[in-house]
Amino acid sequence: MPDDDILAGRRAVEPEPIDVTPPPRESAADQRKRPPSRSKMITVVAVAAVGLVGAGFLAAAGWRVAQQKDATLGTPARAAGLVLDESERAFATADYLRTALAARIDLDTSIGAVYADPADSKRSVLLFGGTTLLWSPERDLDTLFDVVSDDAGSVSGLREVSAGKLGGVMKCGTTRSEDGDIAVCGWADHGSVALGMFPGRRPADAGTLLRDLRAAIQHRS
């Protein structure tokens, strides 16, 4: 009997069998019903926000390209109070720089012109540029300043100024000549690039005059 009591005691303390059966798998429907974790929700929101910012940037850039790409440049007889100089010397000078520009930037059309100041013959403006679809306007504008640097010496003090209502980028600086400093200003957008040389003027005044010239010279479809 003592042995029977011992066996009974052992049976009393014997552990319950462990259930190793795996839990039932959640169905796809159950998984969809379960709310997402907080960390997962934050990640999703962050990714969506970045995507929206990127999409907004691309949309704005695409709108600028569409708005600016179809540009034309002309050389009217009068522009911004200046008069087109149609002398042979002026034509030769403008054509020289227009050729130098075409060697650096592949353009669909190009212009070159000298505009005389009726108030002072020493303050004639030399203008050259062209039109094409430009994906990086600022880079192409810098290329135009390189054309001037190759021909007349480096352009110093180059800085960005307001491009006005037509948009894009505009920069002004100064180059030296035998007759003194010459202000150099240029603009570029997704459809055109142009540069002017303004002897006898400060860069700030040249920038204002170039904006006025641009308004008379540039047109968009």
Protein backbone atom coordinates (compact mmCIF):
# COMPACT_ATOMS: atom_id res chain seq x y z
CA MET A 1 0.00 0.00 0.00
CA PRO A 2 2.77 2.49 0.70
CA ASP A 3 3.97 1.88 -2.86
CA ASP A 4 0.51 2.62 -4.16
CA ASP A 5 0.48 5.90 -2.20
CA ILE A 6 3.85 6.91 -3.65
CA LEU A 7 2.66 6.19 -7.19
CA ALA A 8 -0.49 8.16 -6.57
CA GLY A 9 1.58 11.13 -5.35
CA ARG A 10 3.73 11.00 -8.43
CA ARG A 11 0.69 10.99 -10.64
CA ALA A 12 -0.62 13.99 -8.69
CA VAL A 13 2.49 16.10 -9.43
CA GLU A 14 3.03 14.85 -12.96
CA PRO A 15 2.90 17.90 -15.34
CA GLU A 16 0.18 18.33 -17.86
CA PRO A 17 1.14 17.46 -21.41
CA ILE A 18 2.29 20.51 -23.54
CA ASP A 19 0.18 21.32 -26.55
CA VAL A 20 2.55 21.74 -29.49
CA THR A 21 -0.16 22.22 -32.05
CA PRO A 22 0.61 25.48 -34.01
CA PRO A 23 -1.99 28.27 -33.74
CA PRO A 24 -4.34 28.54 -36.67
CA ARG A 25 -3.07 30.77 -39.47
CA GLU A 26 -4.84 34.06 -40.01
CA SER A 27 -6.74 34.30 -43.21
CA ALA A 28 -6.05 37.17 -45.60
CA ALA A 29 -9.38 38.68 -44.62
CA ASP A 30 -8.42 38.59 -40.91
CA GLN A 31 -5.09 40.23 -41.70
CA ARG A 32 -6.85 43.04 -43.57
CA LYS A 33 -9.16 43.61 -40.62
CA ARG A 34 -6.30 43.89 -38.15
CA PRO A 35 -5.26 47.58 -37.70
CA PRO A 36 -1.66 48.41 -38.73
CA SER A 37 0.93 48.99 -36.06
CA ARG A 38 1.84 52.57 -35.13
CA SER A 39 5.40 52.27 -36.46
CA LYS A 40 4.18 50.90 -39.78
CA MET A 41 1.64 53.70 -40.08
CA ILE A 42 4.33 56.34 -39.45
CA THR A 43 6.53 54.77 -42.12
CA VAL A 44 3.72 54.72 -44.66
CA VAL A 45 2.83 58.37 -43.95
CA ALA A 46 6.47 59.45 -44.24
CA VAL A 47 6.94 57.67 -47.57
CA ALA A 48 3.70 59.14 -48.89
CA ALA A 49 4.76 62.65 -47.83
CA VAL A 50 8.11 62.33 -49.61
CA GLY A 51 6.34 61.05 -52.69
CA LEU A 52 3.93 63.98 -52.69
CA VAL A 53 6.77 66.50 -52.34
CA GLY A 54 8.65 64.84 -55.19
CA ALA A 55 5.56 64.77 -57.38
CA GLY A 56 4.88 68.44 -56.62
CA PHE A 57 8.45 69.39 -57.55
CA LEU A 58 8.30 67.48 -60.83
CA ALA A 59 4.92 69.01 -61.66
CA ALA A 60 6.24 72.54 -61.02
CA ALA A 61 9.39 71.88 -63.07
CA GLY A 62 7.33 70.44 -65.91
CA TRP A 63 5.05 73.46 -65.87
CA ARG A 64 8.03 75.84 -66.13
CA VAL A 65 9.49 73.93 -69.06
CA ALA A 66 6.13 73.88 -70.88
CA GLN A 67 5.63 77.59 -70.26
CA GLN A 68 9.11 78.71 -71.37
CA LYS A 69 10.23 76.28 -74.06
CA ASP A 70 8.60 77.87 -77.14
CA ALA A 71 10.50 81.15 -77.23
CA THR A 72 11.53 83.41 -80.10
CA LEU A 73 14.07 86.25 -80.12
CA GLY A 74 13.91 89.19 -82.49
CA THR A 75 15.91 92.35 -83.15
CA PRO A 76 13.38 95.18 -83.46
CA ALA A 77 14.50 98.55 -84.82
CA ARG A 78 13.93 100.11 -81.38
CA ALA A 79 14.03 98.48 -77.98
CA ALA A 80 14.21 99.91 -74.45
CA GLY A 81 15.06 103.39 -75.76
CA LEU A 82 17.91 102.09 -77.93
CA VAL A 83 18.20 101.99 -81.73
CA LEU A 84 19.39 99.01 -83.77
CA ASP A 85 22.78 99.76 -85.34
CA GLU A 86 22.73 98.35 -88.87
CA SER A 87 26.21 99.46 -89.86
CA GLU A 88 28.64 96.97 -91.37
CA ARG A 89 30.95 97.21 -88.38
CA ALA A 90 28.13 96.47 -85.95
CA PHE A 91 26.97 93.53 -88.06
CA ALA A 92 30.50 92.05 -88.20
CA THR A 93 30.94 92.36 -84.42
CA ALA A 94 27.56 90.79 -83.63
CA ASP A 95 28.06 88.00 -86.16
CA TYR A 96 31.47 87.14 -84.68
CA LEU A 97 30.05 86.61 -81.21
CA ARG A 98 27.00 84.78 -82.56
CA THR A 99 29.36 82.34 -84.29
CA ALA A 100 31.35 81.88 -81.08
CA LEU A 101 28.10 81.14 -79.24
CA ALA A 102 26.98 78.57 -81.83
CA ALA A 103 30.28 76.73 -81.30
CA ARG A 104 29.53 76.30 -77.58
CA ILE A 105 25.74 75.80 -77.44
CA ASP A 106 23.64 73.90 -79.99
CA LEU A 107 20.84 76.38 -80.80
CA ASP A 108 17.87 76.20 -83.15
CA THR A 109 18.03 79.93 -83.93
CA SER A 110 20.48 82.67 -82.97
CA ILE A 111 20.67 86.45 -83.02
CA GLY A 112 23.38 89.07 -82.80
CA ALA A 113 22.81 92.81 -82.68
CA VAL A 114 24.29 96.12 -81.61
CA TYR A 115 21.90 98.68 -80.10
CA ALA A 116 23.08 102.28 -80.08
CA ASP A 117 22.27 104.70 -77.28
CA PRO A 118 21.03 107.96 -78.88
CA ALA A 119 22.27 109.88 -75.84
CA ASP A 120 25.84 108.54 -75.91
CA SER A 121 27.57 106.77 -78.80
CA LYS A 122 30.05 105.18 -76.39
CA ARG A 123 27.30 103.25 -74.58
CA SER A 124 26.13 100.98 -77.41
CA VAL A 125 24.92 97.56 -76.25
CA LEU A 126 26.14 94.36 -77.88
CA LEU A 127 23.53 91.58 -77.61
CA PHE A 128 23.70 87.97 -78.77
CA GLY A 129 21.87 84.75 -77.96
CA GLY A 130 19.48 82.15 -79.31
CA THR A 131 16.63 79.74 -78.74
CA THR A 132 16.30 76.01 -78.15
CA LEU A 133 14.94 73.69 -75.47
CA LEU A 134 17.28 74.13 -72.50
CA TRP A 135 17.01 71.65 -69.61
CA SER A 136 19.65 73.42 -67.47
CA PRO A 137 19.30 77.17 -68.16
CA GLU A 138 21.79 78.32 -65.53
CA ARG A 139 24.49 75.99 -66.83
CA ASP A 140 23.96 77.26 -70.39
CA LEU A 141 24.06 80.86 -69.19
CA ASP A 142 27.40 80.18 -67.51
CA THR A 143 28.61 78.78 -70.84
CA LEU A 144 27.68 82.10 -72.44
CA PHE A 145 29.77 83.97 -69.88
CA ASP A 146 32.64 81.65 -70.79
CA VAL A 147 32.31 82.82 -74.42
CA VAL A 148 32.83 86.41 -73.27
CA SER A 149 35.73 85.36 -71.04
CA ASP A 150 37.47 83.69 -73.98
CA ASP A 151 37.05 86.81 -76.10
CA ALA A 152 37.38 89.76 -73.73
CA GLY A 153 38.85 88.45 -70.51
CA SER A 154 37.31 86.92 -67.42
CA VAL A 155 33.99 88.13 -66.02
CA SER A 156 34.39 89.06 -62.35
CA GLY A 157 31.85 89.80 -59.61
CA LEU A 158 29.27 87.57 -61.28
CA ARG A 159 26.06 87.39 -59.26
CA GLU A 160 22.42 86.52 -59.77
CA VAL A 161 19.90 89.34 -60.17
CA SER A 162 16.15 89.46 -60.69
CA ALA A 163 15.09 87.98 -64.04
CA GLY A 164 11.83 89.93 -64.08
CA LYS A 165 8.41 88.80 -65.25
CA LEU A 166 9.72 86.43 -67.92
CA GLY A 167 11.43 84.29 -65.30
CA GLY A 168 14.43 82.05 -65.66
CA VAL A 169 17.80 83.09 -64.30
CA MET A 170 19.72 86.34 -64.87
CA LYS A 171 23.29 87.18 -63.83
CA CYS A 172 25.52 90.24 -64.08
CA GLY A 173 29.24 90.85 -63.73
CA THR A 174 32.10 92.95 -65.08
CA THR A 175 34.86 92.42 -67.61
CA ARG A 176 37.78 94.70 -68.42
CA SER A 177 38.69 96.26 -71.75
CA GLU A 178 41.19 98.81 -73.02
CA ASP A 179 38.51 101.49 -72.62
CA GLY A 180 37.57 100.51 -69.07
CA ASP A 181 35.18 98.16 -67.32
CA ILE A 182 32.22 96.71 -69.22
CA ALA A 183 29.12 95.40 -67.46
CA VAL A 184 28.04 91.97 -68.71
CA CYS A 185 24.55 90.60 -68.07
CA GLY A 186 22.69 87.59 -69.41
CA TRP A 187 19.51 85.60 -68.99
CA ALA A 188 18.46 82.01 -69.63
CA ASP A 189 15.21 80.09 -69.34
CA HIS A 190 14.01 76.77 -70.76
CA GLY A 191 13.59 78.27 -74.23
CA SER A 192 16.25 80.94 -74.69
CA VAL A 193 19.64 82.21 -73.59
CA ALA A 194 21.16 85.62 -74.31
CA LEU A 195 23.90 87.93 -73.12
CA GLY A 196 24.57 91.64 -73.42
CA MET A 197 27.69 93.76 -73.00
CA PHE A 198 27.10 97.25 -71.63
CA PRO A 199 30.08 99.63 -71.81
CA GLY A 200 29.81 102.74 -69.67
CA ARG A 201 27.23 101.19 -67.31
CA ARG A 202 27.33 99.61 -63.88
CA PRO A 203 26.15 95.99 -63.55
CA ALA A 204 23.01 97.06 -61.63
CA ASP A 205 22.03 99.52 -64.39
CA ALA A 206 22.88 96.97 -67.07
CA GLY A 207 20.60 94.41 -65.41
CA THR A 208 17.69 96.84 -65.48
CA LEU A 209 18.33 97.67 -69.13
CA LEU A 210 18.62 93.99 -70.09
CA ARG A 211 15.24 93.24 -68.51
CA ASP A 212 13.74 96.04 -70.61
CA LEU A 213 15.49 94.79 -73.76
CA ARG A 214 14.32 91.25 -73.07
CA ALA A 215 10.72 92.39 -72.80
CA ALA A 216 11.00 93.87 -76.31
CA ILE A 217 13.04 91.06 -77.85
CA GLN A 218 11.71 87.80 -76.39
CA HIS A 219 8.31 86.34 -77.18
CA ARG A 220 6.64 83.02 -76.34
CA SER A 221 4.03 81.06 -78.23
